[in-house]
C-alpha atoms as a PDB file:
ATOM      1  CA  MET A   1     -10.917  19.872  -5.968  1.00  0.00           C
ATOM      2  CA  TRP A   2     -11.370  21.072  -2.379  1.00  0.00           C
ATOM      3  CA  GLY A   3     -14.173  18.615  -1.368  1.00  0.00           C
ATOM      4  CA  ARG A   4     -15.284  19.020   2.177  1.00  0.00           C
ATOM      5  CA  LYS A   5     -13.013  20.122   4.959  1.00  0.00           C
ATOM      6  CA  LYS A   6     -13.275  19.824   8.757  1.00  0.00           C
ATOM      7  CA  ILE A   7     -12.121  23.078  10.243  1.00  0.00           C
ATOM      8  CA  ALA A   8     -12.222  23.889  13.966  1.00  0.00           C
ATOM      9  CA  GLY A   9     -14.792  20.923  14.416  1.00  0.00           C
ATOM     10  CA  THR A  10     -17.120  22.156  11.697  1.00  0.00           C
ATOM     11  CA  VAL A  11     -17.400  20.538   8.228  1.00  0.00           C
ATOM     12  CA  TYR A  12     -17.424  22.972   5.287  1.00  0.00           C
ATOM     13  CA  ASP A  13     -18.599  21.873   1.979  1.00  0.00           C
ATOM     14  CA  LEU A  14     -16.139  23.418  -0.635  1.00  0.00           C
ATOM     15  CA  THR A  15     -17.543  21.475  -3.635  1.00  0.00           C
ATOM     16  CA  HIS A  16     -18.990  24.570  -5.190  1.00  0.00           C
ATOM     17  CA  LEU A  17     -15.369  25.357  -6.036  1.00  0.00           C
ATOM     18  CA  ASP A  18     -14.967  22.027  -7.911  1.00  0.00           C
ATOM     19  CA  PRO A  19     -13.693  22.776 -11.490  1.00  0.00           C
ATOM     20  CA  PHE A  20     -16.366  23.381 -14.115  1.00  0.00           C
ATOM     21  CA  THR A  21     -16.493  24.109 -17.873  1.00  0.00           C
ATOM     22  CA  LEU A  22     -17.380  27.585 -19.189  1.00  0.00           C
ATOM     23  CA  GLU A  23     -18.300  28.149 -22.842  1.00  0.00           C
ATOM     24  CA  ILE A  24     -16.997  31.421 -24.092  1.00  0.00           C
ATOM     25  CA  PRO A  25     -18.834  32.631 -27.438  1.00  0.00           C
ATOM     26  CA  ARG A  26     -16.506  33.919 -29.890  1.00  0.00           C
ATOM     27  CA  SER A  27     -17.357  36.562 -32.662  1.00  0.00           C
ATOM     28  CA  ASN A  28     -17.023  33.965 -35.460  1.00  0.00           C
ATOM     29  CA  GLY A  29     -19.986  31.963 -33.954  1.00  0.00           C
ATOM     30  CA  GLU A  30     -17.790  29.273 -32.396  1.00  0.00           C
ATOM     31  CA  SER A  31     -17.080  28.821 -28.734  1.00  0.00           C
ATOM     32  CA  LEU A  32     -14.047  28.280 -26.565  1.00  0.00           C
ATOM     33  CA  ARG A  33     -14.263  25.598 -23.967  1.00  0.00           C
ATOM     34  CA  ILE A  34     -12.548  26.701 -20.736  1.00  0.00           C
ATOM     35  CA  GLN A  35     -12.028  24.771 -17.528  1.00  0.00           C
ATOM     36  CA  VAL A  36     -12.433  26.974 -14.492  1.00  0.00           C
ATOM     37  CA  GLN A  37     -10.507  26.087 -11.369  1.00  0.00           C
ATOM     38  CA  PHE A  38     -10.242  27.771  -8.013  1.00  0.00           C
ATOM     39  CA  GLY A  39      -7.072  28.478  -5.692  1.00  0.00           C
ATOM     40  CA  SER A  40      -7.124  28.420  -2.041  1.00  0.00           C
ATOM     41  CA  HIS A  41      -7.107  32.321  -1.866  1.00  0.00           C
ATOM     42  CA  THR A  42     -10.775  32.328  -2.736  1.00  0.00           C
ATOM     43  CA  PHE A  43     -11.782  31.069   0.763  1.00  0.00           C
ATOM     44  CA  THR A  44      -8.624  31.471   2.886  1.00  0.00           C
ATOM     45  CA  GLU A  45      -6.530  34.468   4.090  1.00  0.00           C
ATOM     46  CA  ALA A  46      -2.759  34.805   5.066  1.00  0.00           C
ATOM     47  CA  TYR A  47      -1.853  32.497   7.748  1.00  0.00           C
ATOM     48  CA  ASN A  48       0.030  34.017  10.671  1.00  0.00           C
ATOM     49  CA  GLY A  49       0.939  32.911  14.252  1.00  0.00           C
ATOM     50  CA  LEU A  50      -2.474  34.090  15.756  1.00  0.00           C
ATOM     51  CA  HIS A  51      -4.366  31.560  13.649  1.00  0.00           C
ATOM     52  CA  ALA A  52      -5.189  28.213  15.377  1.00  0.00           C
ATOM     53  CA  ARG A  53      -3.541  25.314  13.754  1.00  0.00           C
ATOM     54  CA  ASP A  54      -6.755  23.661  12.694  1.00  0.00           C
ATOM     55  CA  LEU A  55      -7.539  26.660  10.492  1.00  0.00           C
ATOM     56  CA  ALA A  56      -4.411  25.936   8.274  1.00  0.00           C
ATOM     57  CA  ILE A  57      -5.114  25.012   4.641  1.00  0.00           C
ATOM     58  CA  SER A  58      -2.272  23.938   2.373  1.00  0.00           C
ATOM     59  CA  ASP A  59      -2.228  24.612  -1.381  1.00  0.00           C
ATOM     60  CA  GLY A  60       1.025  23.262  -2.454  1.00  0.00           C
ATOM     61  CA  LYS A  61       3.685  25.204  -0.580  1.00  0.00           C
ATOM     62  CA  ASP A  62       1.328  28.102   0.224  1.00  0.00           C
ATOM     63  CA  LEU A  63      -0.003  27.899   3.872  1.00  0.00           C
ATOM     64  CA  ARG A  64      -3.279  29.772   4.389  1.00  0.00           C
ATOM     65  CA  ALA A  65      -5.905  30.122   6.839  1.00  0.00           C
ATOM     66  CA  PHE A  66      -9.582  29.264   6.437  1.00  0.00           C
ATOM     67  CA  CYS A  67     -11.589  32.672   6.425  1.00  0.00           C
ATOM     68  CA  LEU A  68     -15.312  32.338   7.260  1.00  0.00           C
ATOM     69  CA  HIS A  69     -15.959  35.700   5.366  1.00  0.00           C
ATOM     70  CA  ARG A  70     -14.184  34.501   2.132  1.00  0.00           C
ATOM     71  CA  TYR A  71     -15.843  31.177   2.312  1.00  0.00           C
ATOM     72  CA  GLY A  72     -19.155  32.845   2.513  1.00  0.00           C
ATOM     73  CA  HIS A  73     -18.498  35.041  -0.404  1.00  0.00           C
ATOM     74  CA  SER A  74     -17.025  32.044  -2.314  1.00  0.00           C
ATOM     75  CA  LEU A  75     -20.405  30.457  -2.528  1.00  0.00           C
ATOM     76  CA  SER A  76     -21.324  33.066  -5.103  1.00  0.00           C
ATOM     77  CA  LEU A  77     -18.084  32.884  -6.974  1.00  0.00           C
ATOM     78  CA  PRO A  78     -18.934  30.160  -9.678  1.00  0.00           C
ATOM     79  CA  ALA A  79     -22.145  32.328 -10.622  1.00  0.00           C
ATOM     80  CA  ALA A  80     -20.001  35.583 -10.664  1.00  0.00           C
ATOM     81  CA  ILE A  81     -17.590  33.771 -13.236  1.00  0.00           C
ATOM     82  CA  ARG A  82     -20.452  32.648 -15.316  1.00  0.00           C
ATOM     83  CA  SER A  83     -21.838  36.215 -15.270  1.00  0.00           C
ATOM     84  CA  ALA A  84     -18.569  37.568 -16.474  1.00  0.00           C
ATOM     85  CA  VAL A  85     -19.200  36.004 -19.963  1.00  0.00           C
ATOM     86  CA  GLY A  86     -20.367  38.771 -22.193  1.00  0.00           C
ATOM     87  CA  GLY A  87     -19.319  41.340 -19.685  1.00  0.00           C
ATOM     88  CA  LYS A  88     -16.044  43.164 -18.976  1.00  0.00           C
ATOM     89  CA  ALA A  89     -12.671  42.314 -17.347  1.00  0.00           C
ATOM     90  CA  CYS A  90     -10.289  44.783 -15.910  1.00  0.00           C
ATOM     91  CA  ASN A  91      -6.460  45.076 -15.825  1.00  0.00           C
ATOM     92  CA  ASP A  92      -4.661  46.117 -12.773  1.00  0.00           C
ATOM     93  CA  ASN A  93      -0.825  46.433 -13.508  1.00  0.00           C
ATOM     94  CA  GLY A  94      -0.950  43.239 -15.506  1.00  0.00           C
ATOM     95  CA  ARG A  95      -3.346  41.260 -13.247  1.00  0.00           C
ATOM     96  CA  MET A  96      -6.640  40.265 -14.967  1.00  0.00           C
ATOM     97  CA  LEU A  97      -9.733  40.907 -12.763  1.00  0.00           C
ATOM     98  CA  ILE A  98     -13.454  40.677 -12.888  1.00  0.00           C
ATOM     99  CA  ASN A  99     -15.207  43.413 -10.889  1.00  0.00           C
ATOM    100  CA  ALA A 100     -18.031  41.662  -9.662  1.00  0.00           C
ATOM    101  CA  ARG A 101     -21.110  42.500  -7.375  1.00  0.00           C
ATOM    102  CA  LEU A 102     -22.280  39.857  -4.808  1.00  0.00           C
ATOM    103  CA  PRO A 103     -25.717  39.682  -3.110  1.00  0.00           C
ATOM    104  CA  GLY A 104     -25.668  41.509   0.215  1.00  0.00           C
ATOM    105  CA  LEU A 105     -22.151  42.799  -0.183  1.00  0.00           C
ATOM    106  CA  GLN A 106     -21.500  46.470  -0.568  1.00  0.00           C
ATOM    107  CA  GLY A 107     -19.014  47.349  -3.201  1.00  0.00           C
ATOM    108  CA  PRO A 108     -16.866  45.468  -5.483  1.00  0.00           C
ATOM    109  CA  TYR A 109     -15.870  41.847  -5.152  1.00  0.00           C
ATOM    110  CA  LEU A 110     -12.629  41.496  -6.903  1.00  0.00           C
ATOM    111  CA  ILE A 111     -11.833  38.238  -8.796  1.00  0.00           C
ATOM    112  CA  ALA A 112      -8.311  37.900  -9.920  1.00  0.00           C
ATOM    113  CA  PHE A 113      -7.678  35.238 -12.612  1.00  0.00           C
ATOM    114  CA  ARG A 114      -5.097  33.980 -15.081  1.00  0.00           C
ATOM    115  CA  VAL A 115      -5.676  32.170 -18.194  1.00  0.00           C
ATOM    116  CA  ARG A 116      -3.445  29.568 -19.894  1.00  0.00           C
ATOM    117  CA  PRO A 117      -3.954  27.374 -23.080  1.00  0.00           C
ATOM    118  CA  LYS A 118      -4.684  23.655 -22.503  1.00  0.00           C
ATOM    119  CA  VAL A 119      -5.481  22.314 -25.895  1.00  0.00           C
ATOM    120  CA  THR A 120      -7.036  18.925 -25.342  1.00  0.00           C
ATOM    121  CA  SER A 121     -10.046  17.190 -26.853  1.00  0.00           C
ATOM    122  CA  LYS A 122     -12.164  18.660 -23.894  1.00  0.00           C
ATOM    123  CA  PHE A 123     -10.736  22.188 -23.343  1.00  0.00           C
ATOM    124  CA  ASP A 124      -9.126  25.139 -25.181  1.00  0.00           C
ATOM    125  CA  GLY A 125      -7.804  26.672 -21.995  1.00  0.00           C
ATOM    126  CA  VAL A 126      -7.855  26.737 -18.119  1.00  0.00           C
ATOM    127  CA  LEU A 127      -8.926  29.887 -16.197  1.00  0.00           C
ATOM    128  CA  THR A 128      -7.583  29.805 -12.691  1.00  0.00           C
ATOM    129  CA  VAL A 129      -9.252  32.074 -10.058  1.00  0.00           C
ATOM    130  CA  VAL A 130      -6.107  32.913  -8.149  1.00  0.00           C
ATOM    131  CA  SER A 131      -7.864  35.164  -5.660  1.00  0.00           C
ATOM    132  CA  ALA A 132     -11.189  36.625  -4.741  1.00  0.00           C
ATOM    133  CA  HIS A 133     -12.091  39.102  -2.017  1.00  0.00           C
ATOM    134  CA  HIS A 134     -14.244  42.143  -1.065  1.00  0.00           C
ATOM    135  CA  ARG A 135     -12.531  45.256  -2.315  1.00  0.00           C
ATOM    136  CA  PRO A 136     -14.671  48.348  -1.539  1.00  0.00           C
ATOM    137  CA  ASP A 137     -11.680  50.518  -2.565  1.00  0.00           C
ATOM    138  CA  LEU A 138     -11.135  49.014  -5.992  1.00  0.00           C
ATOM    139  CA  ASP A 139     -10.179  51.728  -8.748  1.00  0.00           C
ATOM    140  CA  GLN A 140     -13.254  52.008 -10.799  1.00  0.00           C
ATOM    141  CA  ALA A 141     -11.051  53.610 -13.683  1.00  0.00           C
ATOM    142  CA  LEU A 142      -9.041  50.579 -14.420  1.00  0.00           C
ATOM    143  CA  PRO A 143      -8.654  49.762 -17.997  1.00  0.00           C
ATOM    144  CA  THR A 144     -11.301  47.222 -19.386  1.00  0.00           C
ATOM    145  CA  ALA A 145     -11.948  45.041 -22.296  1.00  0.00           C
ATOM    146  CA  PRO A 146     -14.632  42.541 -23.058  1.00  0.00           C
ATOM    147  CA  PHE A 147     -14.185  39.449 -20.875  1.00  0.00           C
ATOM    148  CA  ASN A 148     -14.595  37.010 -24.086  1.00  0.00           C
ATOM    149  CA  ALA A 149     -12.041  38.886 -25.955  1.00  0.00           C
ATOM    150  CA  VAL A 150      -9.530  38.792 -23.105  1.00  0.00           C
ATOM    151  CA  ILE A 151      -9.849  35.115 -22.864  1.00  0.00           C
ATOM    152  CA  ALA A 152      -9.606  34.599 -26.783  1.00  0.00           C
ATOM    153  CA  ALA A 153      -6.430  36.888 -27.053  1.00  0.00           C
ATOM    154  CA  THR A 154      -4.732  35.378 -24.048  1.00  0.00           C
ATOM    155  CA  LEU A 155      -5.184  31.944 -25.281  1.00  0.00           C
ATOM    156  CA  ALA A 156      -3.923  32.946 -28.703  1.00  0.00           C
ATOM    157  CA  GLY A 157      -0.959  34.800 -27.326  1.00  0.00           C
ATOM    158  CA  ARG A 158      -2.196  38.158 -28.606  1.00  0.00           C
ATOM    159  CA  LYS A 159      -2.295  41.407 -26.716  1.00  0.00           C
ATOM    160  CA  VAL A 160      -5.416  42.605 -25.099  1.00  0.00           C
ATOM    161  CA  GLY A 161      -6.833  45.853 -26.228  1.00  0.00           C
ATOM    162  CA  TRP A 162      -7.389  47.358 -22.709  1.00  0.00           C
ATOM    163  CA  LYS A 163      -9.258  50.778 -22.902  1.00  0.00           C
END
């Protein structure tokens, strides 16, 4: 959980990126319970020597820099994930993506994610949003598949039928 961070003297609330549960309906009438988690790439950019040190965000061994634009877009990220249920996912050279639209943003907002099983009494799997950013040049002809089917197939270790 990212909580609240003081960055360059301003406190930013990142609790909208706290993990949440997503119900994925299946064709058999049952549902998969997925825990959704967010990585730092959803509100940061690559850290370089031009960034002030107080912009630094560490996610394990990955040092990133807080990005005000990505932070602003991330406010709509949980809703975009929820909207993907029943929609389509894309495949870009093995990366699973959601091609979302955000209010006030021209062009696609790319949400890259991975899914892994986590069989517990609470969850069937974990969806981790590994990156999210504005991508106006996203190839609109990428192979797609129903989002719900992508999640179910990935958790079951089956191939996804991308078209």
